[in-house]
Protein backbone atom coordinates (compact mmCIF):
# COMPACT_ATOMS: atom_id res chain seq x y z
CA MET A 1 50.68 2.90 49.56
CA LEU A 2 50.24 6.12 47.59
CA LYS A 3 51.63 4.49 44.44
CA SER A 4 49.21 1.61 44.78
CA LYS A 5 46.28 3.91 45.47
CA ASN A 6 47.13 5.98 42.28
CA ALA A 7 47.35 2.74 40.28
CA LEU A 8 43.99 1.63 41.57
CA THR A 9 42.42 5.04 40.77
CA ARG A 10 43.91 4.95 37.21
CA TRP A 11 42.58 1.38 36.78
CA ALA A 12 39.10 2.37 37.98
CA LEU A 13 39.04 5.48 35.65
CA SER A 14 40.22 3.32 32.76
CA ILE A 15 37.41 0.82 33.34
CA ALA A 16 34.85 3.62 33.65
CA THR A 17 36.09 5.31 30.50
CA VAL A 18 35.99 2.06 28.50
CA SER A 19 32.52 1.36 29.80
CA VAL A 20 31.26 4.79 28.74
CA LEU A 21 32.90 4.49 25.30
CA LEU A 22 31.34 1.05 24.73
CA ALA A 23 27.92 2.29 25.75
CA CYS A 24 28.19 5.25 23.40
CA SER A 25 29.50 3.26 20.48
CA GLU A 26 26.97 0.47 20.36
CA THR A 27 25.58 0.14 16.88
CA GLN A 28 22.05 1.35 16.62
CA SER A 29 19.59 -1.47 16.09
CA THR A 30 17.26 -1.23 13.17
CA ALA A 31 14.77 -3.45 14.92
CA THR A 32 11.64 -1.59 15.76
CA ASP A 33 10.63 -1.20 19.39
CA VAL A 34 6.87 -1.07 18.91
CA SER A 35 6.35 0.29 22.44
CA ALA A 36 8.23 3.51 21.40
CA ARG A 37 5.91 4.04 18.37
CA TRP A 38 2.41 5.44 18.29
CA TYR A 39 0.82 2.13 17.35
CA THR A 40 0.10 -1.02 19.34
CA PRO A 41 1.26 -4.54 18.48
CA GLN A 42 -2.41 -5.34 17.63
CA GLN A 43 -2.61 -2.39 15.21
CA LEU A 44 0.64 -3.55 13.64
CA ALA A 45 -0.64 -7.10 13.17
CA GLN A 46 -3.90 -5.86 11.68
CA GLY A 47 -2.04 -3.31 9.55
CA ARG A 48 0.25 -5.97 8.09
CA ALA A 49 -2.77 -7.95 6.89
CA ILE A 50 -4.44 -4.80 5.50
CA PHE A 51 -1.26 -3.72 3.78
CA ALA A 52 -0.74 -7.15 2.24
CA GLU A 53 -4.33 -7.19 0.89
CA ASN A 54 -4.63 -3.58 -0.25
CA CYS A 55 -1.24 -1.97 -0.76
CA ALA A 56 1.52 -4.54 -1.41
CA ALA A 57 0.50 -5.18 -5.03
CA CYS A 58 1.71 -1.72 -5.91
CA HIS A 59 3.92 -0.61 -2.99
CA GLY A 60 5.68 -4.00 -2.59
CA ALA A 61 5.45 -6.66 0.11
CA ASN A 62 7.89 -4.65 2.29
CA GLY A 63 6.84 -1.20 1.18
CA GLU A 64 9.79 -0.95 -1.23
CA GLY A 65 7.79 0.50 -4.13
CA VAL A 66 9.24 0.29 -7.63
CA SER A 67 12.74 1.35 -8.61
CA ASN A 68 11.60 4.02 -11.06
CA TRP A 69 8.98 5.59 -8.84
CA GLN A 70 10.16 9.12 -9.63
CA THR A 71 9.65 8.71 -13.42
CA PRO A 72 6.18 8.98 -14.90
CA ASP A 73 4.95 6.04 -16.98
CA SER A 74 3.99 6.30 -20.60
CA ASN A 75 0.60 7.74 -19.58
CA GLY A 76 2.19 10.40 -17.38
CA PHE A 77 1.40 8.76 -14.06
CA TYR A 78 3.94 8.13 -11.32
CA PRO A 79 4.27 4.53 -10.12
CA ALA A 80 3.88 3.60 -6.47
CA PRO A 81 6.67 5.04 -4.32
CA PRO A 82 8.40 3.26 -1.53
CA VAL A 83 6.67 3.71 1.85
CA ASN A 84 9.39 1.94 3.77
CA GLY A 85 11.34 5.04 4.81
CA THR A 86 13.53 5.24 1.71
CA ALA A 87 11.41 7.79 -0.22
CA HIS A 88 9.19 10.71 0.85
CA ALA A 89 6.28 9.17 2.81
CA TRP A 90 8.04 9.96 6.13
CA HIS A 91 8.01 13.69 5.20
CA HIS A 92 4.25 13.72 5.67
CA SER A 93 2.27 13.94 8.90
CA LEU A 94 -0.20 11.19 9.84
CA ALA A 95 -3.02 13.47 8.78
CA VAL A 96 -1.52 13.92 5.26
CA LEU A 97 -0.84 10.16 4.98
CA LEU A 98 -4.45 9.39 5.94
CA ARG A 99 -5.77 11.96 3.53
CA THR A 100 -3.76 10.39 0.76
CA ILE A 101 -5.09 6.96 1.67
CA ASN A 102 -8.64 8.37 1.65
CA GLN A 103 -8.43 10.40 -1.52
CA GLY A 104 -5.92 8.32 -3.43
CA GLY A 105 -2.82 9.42 -5.31
CA GLU A 106 -4.34 10.97 -8.44
CA GLN A 107 -3.94 14.56 -7.07
CA LEU A 108 -0.23 13.70 -6.68
CA GLY A 109 0.15 12.33 -10.19
CA GLY A 110 -0.29 8.67 -9.37
CA ARG A 111 -2.86 6.05 -9.81
CA MET A 112 -3.48 4.93 -6.24
CA PRO A 113 -7.21 4.63 -5.62
CA GLY A 114 -8.86 6.26 -2.67
CA PHE A 115 -9.81 3.98 0.17
CA GLN A 116 -12.43 6.16 1.82
CA GLY A 117 -15.45 3.98 2.41
CA ARG A 118 -13.39 0.80 1.67
CA LEU A 119 -11.23 0.97 4.81
CA THR A 120 -12.25 2.41 8.18
CA GLU A 121 -10.10 5.07 9.74
CA LEU A 122 -8.81 2.52 12.20
CA GLU A 123 -7.86 0.19 9.33
CA GLN A 124 -6.14 3.02 7.52
CA ARG A 125 -4.19 3.89 10.68
CA SER A 126 -3.19 0.23 10.98
CA ALA A 127 -2.02 0.23 7.39
CA VAL A 128 0.16 3.26 8.17
CA ALA A 129 1.54 1.41 11.17
CA ALA A 130 2.49 -1.48 8.95
CA PHE A 131 4.60 0.57 6.63
CA GLN A 132 5.97 2.80 9.40
CA ASP A 133 7.23 -0.34 11.03
CA TYR A 134 9.72 -0.65 8.15
CA TRP A 135 11.14 2.79 8.93
CA PRO A 136 14.44 2.87 10.77
CA ASP A 137 14.34 4.55 14.17
CA ASP A 138 16.15 7.69 12.92
CA ILE A 139 13.65 8.20 10.12
CA TYR A 140 10.73 7.59 12.54
CA ALA A 141 12.21 10.12 14.94
CA GLN A 142 12.42 12.70 12.16
CA TRP A 143 8.84 11.92 11.17
CA LEU A 144 7.70 12.49 14.75
CA VAL A 145 9.06 16.06 14.56
CA ILE A 146 7.06 16.62 11.37
CA ASP A 147 3.90 15.00 12.73
CA ASN A 148 4.05 17.17 15.88
CA ARG A 149 4.19 20.48 14.01
């Protein structure tokens, strides 16, 4: 009986260990859980339309920017950077992102026009939601730390 009880205990521990290891080793999904982000599904939908109309021509349909975004053009201006989490946009708080949208990118060496008076603050926030939705969860988590400083 003792031998059978030990075998049952080892079997139960093995199952528990495998279960824990499987739970810990699941690959992280890159799909965005909107409920875990600051924006609502409605803001995201509105932001996608705003981004497509006002931002995608320069920043790309998926926020990918241009490949040489770190190199000034022949006039000394930087092209539109990626805003999809692969460049530096996620290093800036929401306040800084909104200020850049309002004032434009000239103070940063770019040509982005300012959208103050062209987009409301809610529309600007929705545009930010649109490009933040491309950010992987780990980048978004790092941005939250920056934004909460």
